[in-house]
Every structure is written in structure tokens, then in C-alpha cells.
Amino acid sequence: MRITVTVDGTDYTDDVEPRTLLVHHLREKLGKTGTVVGCDTSNCGACTVHLDGQSVKSCSVLAVQADGCEVTTVEGLARDGQLHPVQQAFRDNHALQCGFCTPGMIMQSIDLLADNPNPDEEAVREGLEGNLCRCTGYQNIVRAVRDAAGHMRPGAGPEAEQVGEGQPAATGTGVGGDA
């Protein structure tokens, strides 16, 4: 089946098997290896991407379901060599250990902040419930999301406009790079 999908600002038209998962299409066909395969059961959230501006677990979406849609991966977040504020906050707050869950955590955090630009600790923990990290106690992840929220609020500087989707794509994976 032929699909056209915009990934990180670039249009791709490919023939895919109807049963191909979006995560496998992104990684194997398009080389977007920052989107990792964790569990293939939608339990861990490591494969989280944005589909038309909403976070989804790409192991639970067929590539054909993304036909005509815009997908943003962790590789598409950096702008002009600058990390997205959430990527920067994860880096600054040491919100990772092995880094395997980091791309999905970052993508889910951006979606969380788009819905709630000033979350308290409980709201962050609730917003990240579907994303698992086996290395950390989540303290630094929660701290990073709240730190990013402070940098992304209106009037917080040029990065504040990066809340949500629709930004032109850039290259580079930043924090949570290729796995």
C-alpha cells in the first residue's frame, strides 16, 4: 500500500505492508532510529512520537494509519542547532541514565506541556504514567519537565514558541539520540 507521510518536516512516499507498525517504518524505512522499539505492546512508551501534534505510541499505530499525517520524532525537535527546551531540561537535570526511554519521555513531556504549561509534580507524574523508565526514580525526569515548563512559558524567551507542533524540521537527535 502506498502512503505519504510528513516526518520531521520532510514528505515521504513509500510502499508499505499493511501490517507494518509506524515505529518500524520510521526506523527501518526512514532511518529515524531515535524512535526506539521497547516492548512492541504499547506498555513502555519508548516509541512515543507526535502524530498530527498528539503523542502516540508508534508501536500501536500502523504506518498506513499515518497516511497523510505529520509525524514528529525526537530527531525533529532541535532548531538551528539548539535543543528543544525539553531536551535541554533533560540534559541540564540529568533526567536519564541509560537513555533508552528518553526519546519517548521527551515526546510525551512536550505533549504534556502543550496541554498543561504549568504542571505541578503530581500532574507531571500522571502525564508520564504510560512511559516507563527502569533506571531512574523519576525525580530528575519530573524536575526536568517542570524546568522546561518554566522556559517554555510565554515571555520566557525564544524557546517559548516551541510548545506544540508546526515548527520547521531540523536535524540532530539531541538528548535521547540514536539507540
N, C-alpha and C. Protein backbone atom coordinates (compact mmCIF):
# COMPACT_ATOMS: atom_id res chain seq x y z
N MET A 1 0.85 -1.16 0.00
CA MET A 1 0.00 0.00 0.00
C MET A 1 0.91 1.24 0.00
N ARG A 2 0.59 2.21 -0.81
CA ARG A 2 1.38 3.43 -0.92
C ARG A 2 0.86 4.46 0.07
N ILE A 3 1.80 5.02 0.87
CA ILE A 3 1.44 6.07 1.83
C ILE A 3 2.35 7.27 1.64
N THR A 4 1.84 8.42 2.01
CA THR A 4 2.63 9.64 2.07
C THR A 4 2.49 10.19 3.48
N VAL A 5 3.62 10.41 4.11
CA VAL A 5 3.64 10.92 5.48
C VAL A 5 4.73 11.99 5.57
N THR A 6 4.46 13.02 6.33
CA THR A 6 5.46 14.06 6.58
C THR A 6 6.11 13.76 7.91
N VAL A 7 7.41 13.52 7.89
CA VAL A 7 8.15 13.19 9.11
C VAL A 7 9.21 14.25 9.31
N ASP A 8 9.12 14.92 10.45
CA ASP A 8 10.08 15.96 10.81
C ASP A 8 10.24 17.00 9.69
N GLY A 9 9.10 17.32 9.04
CA GLY A 9 9.07 18.35 8.03
C GLY A 9 9.39 17.90 6.62
N THR A 10 9.70 16.64 6.43
CA THR A 10 10.02 16.11 5.10
C THR A 10 8.94 15.13 4.67
N ASP A 11 8.48 15.27 3.43
CA ASP A 11 7.46 14.36 2.89
C ASP A 11 8.13 13.09 2.37
N TYR A 12 7.53 11.96 2.72
CA TYR A 12 7.99 10.65 2.26
C TYR A 12 6.81 9.91 1.66
N THR A 13 7.02 9.31 0.48
CA THR A 13 6.02 8.44 -0.13
C THR A 13 6.68 7.09 -0.29
N ASP A 14 6.04 6.08 0.29
CA ASP A 14 6.61 4.73 0.30
C ASP A 14 5.52 3.69 0.15
N ASP A 15 5.92 2.53 -0.36
CA ASP A 15 5.05 1.36 -0.34
C ASP A 15 5.34 0.62 0.95
N VAL A 16 4.27 0.31 1.70
CA VAL A 16 4.42 -0.41 2.97
C VAL A 16 3.46 -1.58 3.01
N GLU A 17 3.84 -2.60 3.74
CA GLU A 17 2.94 -3.70 4.03
C GLU A 17 1.84 -3.16 4.94
N PRO A 18 0.60 -3.53 4.72
CA PRO A 18 -0.49 -3.01 5.56
C PRO A 18 -0.31 -3.30 7.05
N ARG A 19 0.46 -4.31 7.40
CA ARG A 19 0.65 -4.68 8.81
C ARG A 19 1.88 -4.02 9.45
N THR A 20 2.61 -3.20 8.71
CA THR A 20 3.82 -2.56 9.24
C THR A 20 3.46 -1.53 10.29
N LEU A 21 4.10 -1.64 11.44
CA LEU A 21 3.89 -0.66 12.50
C LEU A 21 4.64 0.63 12.18
N LEU A 22 4.09 1.74 12.62
CA LEU A 22 4.72 3.03 12.37
C LEU A 22 6.15 3.06 12.91
N VAL A 23 6.38 2.51 14.09
CA VAL A 23 7.73 2.52 14.66
C VAL A 23 8.73 1.82 13.73
N HIS A 24 8.33 0.72 13.13
CA HIS A 24 9.23 0.00 12.22
C HIS A 24 9.42 0.77 10.91
N HIS A 25 8.38 1.41 10.43
CA HIS A 25 8.52 2.23 9.22
C HIS A 25 9.49 3.38 9.47
N LEU A 26 9.32 4.05 10.62
CA LEU A 26 10.20 5.18 10.94
C LEU A 26 11.65 4.73 11.05
N ARG A 27 11.89 3.64 11.72
CA ARG A 27 13.26 3.19 11.96
C ARG A 27 13.89 2.53 10.73
N GLU A 28 13.17 1.57 10.14
CA GLU A 28 13.76 0.74 9.10
C GLU A 28 13.71 1.37 7.72
N LYS A 29 12.65 2.09 7.41
CA LYS A 29 12.50 2.67 6.08
C LYS A 29 13.04 4.10 6.03
N LEU A 30 12.81 4.88 7.11
CA LEU A 30 13.18 6.29 7.09
C LEU A 30 14.44 6.60 7.90
N GLY A 31 14.96 5.63 8.62
CA GLY A 31 16.20 5.83 9.37
C GLY A 31 16.05 6.68 10.62
N LYS A 32 14.85 6.81 11.13
CA LYS A 32 14.60 7.61 12.35
C LYS A 32 14.79 6.72 13.57
N THR A 33 16.05 6.41 13.85
CA THR A 33 16.37 5.45 14.91
C THR A 33 16.31 6.03 16.31
N GLY A 34 16.06 7.32 16.44
CA GLY A 34 15.84 7.90 17.77
C GLY A 34 14.55 7.42 18.37
N THR A 35 13.61 7.01 17.53
CA THR A 35 12.37 6.39 18.00
C THR A 35 12.69 4.93 18.24
N VAL A 36 12.71 4.53 19.51
CA VAL A 36 13.18 3.19 19.84
C VAL A 36 12.02 2.20 19.97
N VAL A 37 12.35 0.93 19.74
CA VAL A 37 11.40 -0.16 19.96
C VAL A 37 11.67 -0.69 21.35
N GLY A 38 10.67 -0.56 22.22
CA GLY A 38 10.84 -1.03 23.58
C GLY A 38 10.18 -2.36 23.78
N CYS A 39 8.86 -2.36 23.82
CA CYS A 39 8.12 -3.56 24.20
C CYS A 39 7.25 -4.11 23.08
N ASP A 40 6.95 -3.31 22.07
CA ASP A 40 6.03 -3.69 20.97
C ASP A 40 4.62 -4.02 21.48
N THR A 41 4.29 -3.58 22.68
CA THR A 41 2.96 -3.86 23.24
C THR A 41 2.29 -2.59 23.75
N SER A 42 2.87 -1.45 23.54
CA SER A 42 2.40 -0.13 23.98
C SER A 42 2.42 0.05 25.48
N ASN A 43 3.21 -0.76 26.19
CA ASN A 43 3.29 -0.64 27.64
C ASN A 43 4.36 0.33 28.12
N CYS A 44 5.44 0.51 27.37
CA CYS A 44 6.58 1.25 27.91
C CYS A 44 6.66 2.71 27.46
N GLY A 45 6.14 3.04 26.28
CA GLY A 45 6.18 4.42 25.80
C GLY A 45 7.48 4.86 25.17
N ALA A 46 8.46 3.97 25.06
CA ALA A 46 9.75 4.35 24.48
C ALA A 46 9.63 4.80 23.03
N CYS A 47 8.59 4.34 22.34
CA CYS A 47 8.41 4.64 20.92
C CYS A 47 7.50 5.85 20.67
N THR A 48 7.25 6.65 21.69
CA THR A 48 6.31 7.77 21.56
C THR A 48 6.81 8.79 20.54
N VAL A 49 5.92 9.16 19.64
CA VAL A 49 6.14 10.22 18.65
C VAL A 49 4.90 11.11 18.67
N HIS A 50 4.94 12.19 17.92
CA HIS A 50 3.75 13.02 17.76
C HIS A 50 3.15 12.75 16.39
N LEU A 51 1.87 12.46 16.37
CA LEU A 51 1.12 12.24 15.14
C LEU A 51 0.08 13.34 15.07
N ASP A 52 0.25 14.23 14.09
CA ASP A 52 -0.59 15.41 13.95
C ASP A 52 -0.68 16.17 15.28
N GLY A 53 0.46 16.28 15.96
CA GLY A 53 0.55 17.10 17.16
C GLY A 53 0.17 16.43 18.46
N GLN A 54 -0.21 15.17 18.42
CA GLN A 54 -0.59 14.44 19.63
C GLN A 54 0.36 13.27 19.83
N SER A 55 0.74 13.03 21.09
CA SER A 55 1.64 11.90 21.32
C SER A 55 0.90 10.58 21.14
N VAL A 56 1.59 9.66 20.48
CA VAL A 56 1.09 8.30 20.28
C VAL A 56 2.25 7.34 20.46
N LYS A 57 1.92 6.15 20.85
CA LYS A 57 2.93 5.08 20.92
C LYS A 57 2.98 4.46 19.54
N SER A 58 4.08 4.67 18.85
CA SER A 58 4.15 4.28 17.43
C SER A 58 4.17 2.78 17.22
N CYS A 59 4.29 2.00 18.30
CA CYS A 59 4.17 0.55 18.15
C CYS A 59 2.72 0.11 18.14
N SER A 60 1.80 1.04 18.37
CA SER A 60 0.38 0.69 18.35
C SER A 60 -0.36 1.37 17.20
N VAL A 61 0.41 1.96 16.28
CA VAL A 61 -0.16 2.63 15.11
C VAL A 61 0.42 1.97 13.87
N LEU A 62 -0.43 1.61 12.95
CA LEU A 62 0.04 1.08 11.67
C LEU A 62 0.54 2.23 10.81
N ALA A 63 1.56 1.98 10.02
CA ALA A 63 2.09 3.02 9.13
C ALA A 63 1.00 3.54 8.20
N VAL A 64 0.11 2.66 7.74
CA VAL A 64 -0.97 3.09 6.84
C VAL A 64 -1.93 4.05 7.54
N GLN A 65 -2.03 3.97 8.86
CA GLN A 65 -2.88 4.90 9.60
C GLN A 65 -2.28 6.30 9.63
N ALA A 66 -1.00 6.41 9.38
CA ALA A 66 -0.33 7.71 9.37
C ALA A 66 -0.34 8.36 7.98
N ASP A 67 -0.93 7.70 7.00
CA ASP A 67 -1.00 8.25 5.65
C ASP A 67 -1.65 9.63 5.69
N GLY A 68 -0.98 10.61 5.12
CA GLY A 68 -1.49 11.97 5.08
C GLY A 68 -1.27 12.76 6.35
N CYS A 69 -0.58 12.18 7.31
CA CYS A 69 -0.36 12.84 8.61
C CYS A 69 1.04 13.41 8.73
N GLU A 70 1.21 14.22 9.77
CA GLU A 70 2.53 14.75 10.14
C GLU A 70 3.01 14.01 11.36
N VAL A 71 4.23 13.52 11.29
CA VAL A 71 4.86 12.82 12.40
C VAL A 71 6.08 13.62 12.83
N THR A 72 6.21 13.81 14.13
CA THR A 72 7.42 14.43 14.67
C THR A 72 8.10 13.42 15.57
N THR A 73 9.38 13.21 15.31
CA THR A 73 10.19 12.31 16.13
C THR A 73 11.15 13.15 16.95
N VAL A 74 11.88 12.50 17.84
CA VAL A 74 12.86 13.22 18.66
C VAL A 74 13.92 13.89 17.78
N GLU A 75 14.19 13.31 16.60
CA GLU A 75 15.16 13.92 15.69
C GLU A 75 14.68 15.25 15.12
N GLY A 76 13.39 15.48 15.11
CA GLY A 76 12.83 16.69 14.53
C GLY A 76 12.62 17.83 15.51
N LEU A 77 13.11 17.70 16.73
CA LEU A 77 12.84 18.73 17.74
C LEU A 77 13.82 19.88 17.74
N ALA A 78 15.09 19.62 17.52
CA ALA A 78 16.11 20.67 17.58
C ALA A 78 15.89 21.68 16.46
N ARG A 79 16.19 22.94 16.73
CA ARG A 79 16.04 24.02 15.75
C ARG A 79 17.34 24.80 15.66
N ASP A 80 17.86 24.91 14.46
CA ASP A 80 19.06 25.71 14.23
C ASP A 80 20.18 25.35 15.20
N GLY A 81 20.36 24.06 15.43
CA GLY A 81 21.43 23.59 16.30
C GLY A 81 21.14 23.73 17.78
N GLN A 82 19.95 24.18 18.14
CA GLN A 82 19.58 24.35 19.55
C GLN A 82 18.60 23.25 19.94
N LEU A 83 18.88 22.62 21.07
CA LEU A 83 17.96 21.60 21.57
C LEU A 83 16.61 22.23 21.90
N HIS A 84 15.56 21.45 21.75
CA HIS A 84 14.24 21.87 22.21
C HIS A 84 14.35 22.10 23.72
N PRO A 85 13.58 23.00 24.30
CA PRO A 85 13.67 23.25 25.74
C PRO A 85 13.49 22.01 26.60
N VAL A 86 12.67 21.07 26.18
CA VAL A 86 12.52 19.84 26.96
C VAL A 86 13.78 18.99 26.86
N GLN A 87 14.36 18.90 25.67
CA GLN A 87 15.63 18.17 25.54
C GLN A 87 16.69 18.81 26.42
N GLN A 88 16.78 20.13 26.38
CA GLN A 88 17.78 20.84 27.18
C GLN A 88 17.55 20.62 28.67
N ALA A 89 16.29 20.64 29.08
CA ALA A 89 15.98 20.44 30.50
C ALA A 89 16.34 19.02 30.94
N PHE A 90 16.10 18.03 30.09
CA PHE A 90 16.50 16.66 30.43
C PHE A 90 18.01 16.59 30.59
N ARG A 91 18.72 17.26 29.73
CA ARG A 91 20.18 17.28 29.82
C ARG A 91 20.63 18.00 31.09
N ASP A 92 20.10 19.19 31.33
CA ASP A 92 20.51 20.00 32.47
C ASP A 92 20.19 19.35 33.81
N ASN A 93 19.10 18.59 33.86
CA ASN A 93 18.65 18.00 35.12
C ASN A 93 19.03 16.52 35.26
N HIS A 94 19.88 16.05 34.37
CA HIS A 94 20.35 14.65 34.41
C HIS A 94 19.17 13.69 34.49
N ALA A 95 18.19 13.90 33.61
CA ALA A 95 16.95 13.14 33.64
C ALA A 95 17.03 11.86 32.82
N LEU A 96 18.17 11.25 32.80
CA LEU A 96 18.33 9.99 32.08
C LEU A 96 19.49 9.24 32.69
N GLN A 97 19.48 7.96 32.49
CA GLN A 97 20.65 7.17 32.84
C GLN A 97 21.10 6.43 31.59
N CYS A 98 20.42 5.35 31.24
CA CYS A 98 20.84 4.62 30.04
C CYS A 98 20.38 5.33 28.77
N GLY A 99 19.31 6.13 28.85
CA GLY A 99 18.84 6.89 27.70
C GLY A 99 17.83 6.18 26.82
N PHE A 100 17.55 4.92 27.09
CA PHE A 100 16.65 4.16 26.23
C PHE A 100 15.24 4.74 26.21
N CYS A 101 14.73 5.15 27.35
CA CYS A 101 13.36 5.68 27.43
C CYS A 101 13.29 7.16 27.08
N THR A 102 14.43 7.82 27.01
CA THR A 102 14.48 9.28 26.91
C THR A 102 13.72 9.85 25.70
N PRO A 103 13.86 9.31 24.49
CA PRO A 103 13.10 9.90 23.38
C PRO A 103 11.59 9.90 23.63
N GLY A 104 11.06 8.79 24.11
CA GLY A 104 9.64 8.72 24.39
C GLY A 104 9.23 9.63 25.53
N MET A 105 10.07 9.71 26.56
CA MET A 105 9.78 10.61 27.69
C MET A 105 9.74 12.06 27.22
N ILE A 106 10.69 12.44 26.38
CA ILE A 106 10.74 13.81 25.87
C ILE A 106 9.50 14.11 25.04
N MET A 107 9.13 13.21 24.14
CA MET A 107 7.97 13.45 23.28
C MET A 107 6.69 13.54 24.11
N GLN A 108 6.54 12.66 25.10
CA GLN A 108 5.35 12.71 25.96
C GLN A 108 5.36 13.97 26.81
N SER A 109 6.53 14.40 27.26
CA SER A 109 6.63 15.62 28.08
C SER A 109 6.21 16.85 27.29
N ILE A 110 6.58 16.91 26.02
CA ILE A 110 6.18 18.04 25.18
C ILE A 110 4.67 18.07 25.04
N ASP A 111 4.07 16.91 24.83
CA ASP A 111 2.61 16.83 24.73
C ASP A 111 1.96 17.24 26.05
N LEU A 112 2.51 16.78 27.15
CA LEU A 112 2.00 17.15 28.47
C LEU A 112 2.05 18.66 28.66
N LEU A 113 3.16 19.28 28.30
CA LEU A 113 3.31 20.73 28.49
C LEU A 113 2.43 21.53 27.52
N ALA A 114 2.12 20.97 26.39
CA ALA A 114 1.19 21.65 25.47
C ALA A 114 -0.20 21.70 26.09
N ASP A 115 -0.57 20.64 26.80
CA ASP A 115 -1.88 20.59 27.46
C ASP A 115 -1.89 21.33 28.79
N ASN A 116 -0.78 21.31 29.51
CA ASN A 116 -0.69 21.91 30.84
C ASN A 116 0.66 22.61 30.95
N PRO A 117 0.74 23.89 30.60
CA PRO A 117 2.02 24.58 30.58
C PRO A 117 2.64 24.84 31.95
N ASN A 118 1.91 24.58 33.02
CA ASN A 118 2.46 24.81 34.35
C ASN A 118 2.08 23.66 35.29
N PRO A 119 2.56 22.45 35.01
CA PRO A 119 2.14 21.31 35.81
C PRO A 119 2.87 21.26 37.15
N ASP A 120 2.15 20.79 38.17
CA ASP A 120 2.83 20.52 39.44
C ASP A 120 3.41 19.11 39.36
N GLU A 121 4.09 18.68 40.41
CA GLU A 121 4.76 17.38 40.38
C GLU A 121 3.77 16.25 40.11
N GLU A 122 2.63 16.30 40.75
CA GLU A 122 1.62 15.25 40.57
C GLU A 122 1.13 15.19 39.12
N ALA A 123 0.91 16.35 38.51
CA ALA A 123 0.45 16.40 37.12
C ALA A 123 1.50 15.84 36.17
N VAL A 124 2.78 16.10 36.45
CA VAL A 124 3.85 15.55 35.61
C VAL A 124 3.87 14.03 35.72
N ARG A 125 3.82 13.54 36.95
CA ARG A 125 3.84 12.09 37.15
C ARG A 125 2.64 11.42 36.46
N GLU A 126 1.48 12.04 36.57
CA GLU A 126 0.29 11.49 35.93
C GLU A 126 0.41 11.56 34.41
N GLY A 127 0.95 12.65 33.90
CA GLY A 127 1.10 12.82 32.45
C GLY A 127 2.10 11.88 31.82
N LEU A 128 3.02 11.36 32.63
CA LEU A 128 4.04 10.44 32.13
C LEU A 128 3.77 8.99 32.51
N GLU A 129 2.58 8.72 33.05
CA GLU A 129 2.25 7.37 33.52
C GLU A 129 2.50 6.26 32.51
N GLY A 130 2.24 6.51 31.25
CA GLY A 130 2.39 5.47 30.23
C GLY A 130 3.79 5.31 29.70
N ASN A 131 4.74 6.02 30.28
CA ASN A 131 6.14 5.92 29.85
C ASN A 131 6.96 5.39 31.02
N LEU A 132 7.64 4.28 30.78
CA LEU A 132 8.40 3.62 31.84
C LEU A 132 9.89 3.89 31.72
N CYS A 133 10.51 4.05 32.87
CA CYS A 133 11.97 4.14 32.96
C CYS A 133 12.41 3.12 34.00
N ARG A 134 13.28 2.24 33.61
CA ARG A 134 13.74 1.21 34.54
C ARG A 134 14.98 1.62 35.31
N CYS A 135 15.59 2.75 34.97
CA CYS A 135 16.84 3.14 35.61
C CYS A 135 16.68 4.18 36.72
N THR A 136 15.75 5.10 36.55
CA THR A 136 15.68 6.23 37.48
C THR A 136 14.51 6.09 38.44
N GLY A 137 14.48 6.94 39.43
CA GLY A 137 13.34 7.03 40.33
C GLY A 137 12.40 8.12 39.89
N TYR A 138 12.54 8.62 38.68
CA TYR A 138 11.69 9.63 38.05
C TYR A 138 11.88 11.04 38.64
N GLN A 139 12.60 11.19 39.74
CA GLN A 139 12.76 12.52 40.34
C GLN A 139 13.34 13.51 39.35
N ASN A 140 14.42 13.14 38.69
CA ASN A 140 15.06 14.07 37.76
C ASN A 140 14.23 14.28 36.50
N ILE A 141 13.46 13.29 36.12
CA ILE A 141 12.56 13.45 34.96
C ILE A 141 11.49 14.48 35.30
N VAL A 142 10.88 14.34 36.46
CA VAL A 142 9.85 15.30 36.89
C VAL A 142 10.46 16.69 36.99
N ARG A 143 11.64 16.78 37.58
CA ARG A 143 12.33 18.07 37.71
C ARG A 143 12.59 18.69 36.33
N ALA A 144 13.00 17.86 35.37
CA ALA A 144 13.29 18.35 34.02
C ALA A 144 12.04 18.89 33.34
N VAL A 145 10.92 18.19 33.49
CA VAL A 145 9.68 18.64 32.85
C VAL A 145 9.25 19.97 33.46
N ARG A 146 9.35 20.09 34.76
CA ARG A 146 8.95 21.34 35.40
C ARG A 146 9.90 22.47 35.04
N ASP A 147 11.19 22.16 34.90
CA ASP A 147 12.18 23.15 34.46
C ASP A 147 11.86 23.61 33.03
N ALA A 148 11.57 22.66 32.17
CA ALA A 148 11.23 23.00 30.78
C ALA A 148 9.98 23.88 30.74
N ALA A 149 9.02 23.58 31.59
CA ALA A 149 7.79 24.38 31.63
C ALA A 149 8.12 25.83 31.92
N GLY A 150 9.04 26.07 32.82
CA GLY A 150 9.44 27.44 33.15
C GLY A 150 10.09 28.16 31.98
N HIS A 151 10.81 27.41 31.14
CA HIS A 151 11.46 28.01 29.98
C HIS A 151 10.53 28.17 28.79
N MET A 152 9.43 27.44 28.79
CA MET A 152 8.53 27.44 27.64
C MET A 152 7.32 28.34 27.83
N ARG A 153 7.15 28.92 28.99
CA ARG A 153 6.00 29.81 29.22
C ARG A 153 6.14 31.05 28.36
N PRO A 154 5.02 31.62 27.95
CA PRO A 154 5.08 32.87 27.17
C PRO A 154 5.93 33.91 27.90
N GLY A 155 6.79 34.55 27.14
CA GLY A 155 7.66 35.57 27.72
C GLY A 155 8.94 35.00 28.29
N ALA A 156 9.13 33.68 28.17
CA ALA A 156 10.32 33.04 28.74
C ALA A 156 11.50 33.04 27.77
N GLY A 157 11.38 33.69 26.64
CA GLY A 157 12.48 33.72 25.69
C GLY A 157 12.11 33.06 24.38
N PRO A 158 13.07 32.99 23.44
CA PRO A 158 12.78 32.46 22.10
C PRO A 158 12.33 31.01 22.10
N GLU A 159 12.78 30.21 23.08
CA GLU A 159 12.37 28.81 23.11
C GLU A 159 10.90 28.66 23.45
N ALA A 160 10.29 29.66 24.04
CA ALA A 160 8.90 29.56 24.49
C ALA A 160 7.96 29.23 23.34
N GLU A 161 8.33 29.62 22.13
CA GLU A 161 7.46 29.34 20.99
C GLU A 161 7.49 27.89 20.56
N GLN A 162 8.37 27.07 21.14
CA GLN A 162 8.48 25.69 20.70
C GLN A 162 7.47 24.77 21.35
N VAL A 163 6.52 25.29 22.09
CA VAL A 163 5.47 24.42 22.63
C VAL A 163 4.60 23.97 21.49
N GLY A 164 4.37 22.67 21.38
CA GLY A 164 3.49 22.14 20.34
C GLY A 164 4.21 21.90 19.04
N GLU A 165 3.43 21.65 18.02
CA GLU A 165 3.95 21.25 16.72
C GLU A 165 3.94 22.41 15.72
N GLY A 166 4.30 22.07 14.48
CA GLY A 166 4.21 23.01 13.39
C GLY A 166 5.48 23.79 13.15
N GLN A 167 6.57 23.43 13.81
CA GLN A 167 7.83 24.13 13.62
C GLN A 167 8.57 23.47 12.46
N PRO A 168 9.41 24.23 11.76
CA PRO A 168 10.18 23.61 10.69
C PRO A 168 11.16 22.59 11.26
N ALA A 169 11.44 21.56 10.49
CA ALA A 169 12.29 20.48 10.97
C ALA A 169 13.76 20.88 10.96
N ALA A 170 14.50 20.24 11.82
CA ALA A 170 15.95 20.38 11.87
C ALA A 170 16.53 18.99 12.03
N THR A 171 17.84 18.89 11.91
CA THR A 171 18.47 17.59 12.06
C THR A 171 19.09 17.49 13.43
N GLY A 172 19.46 16.27 13.77
CA GLY A 172 20.12 16.03 15.05
C GLY A 172 19.13 15.48 16.06
N THR A 173 19.63 14.57 16.88
CA THR A 173 18.75 13.94 17.85
C THR A 173 18.80 14.60 19.20
N GLY A 174 19.86 15.30 19.51
CA GLY A 174 19.95 15.89 20.84
C GLY A 174 19.92 14.80 21.89
N VAL A 175 19.34 15.11 23.01
CA VAL A 175 19.23 14.15 24.09
C VAL A 175 18.34 13.01 23.66
N GLY A 176 18.76 11.80 23.98
CA GLY A 176 17.94 10.64 23.61
C GLY A 176 18.17 10.24 22.18
N GLY A 177 19.36 10.42 21.71
CA GLY A 177 19.67 10.16 20.30
C GLY A 177 19.50 8.73 19.88
N ASP A 178 20.21 8.36 18.88
CA ASP A 178 20.04 7.05 18.27
C ASP A 178 20.26 5.94 19.27
N ALA A 179 19.39 4.96 19.21
CA ALA A 179 19.51 3.81 20.09
C ALA A 179 19.60 2.53 19.27
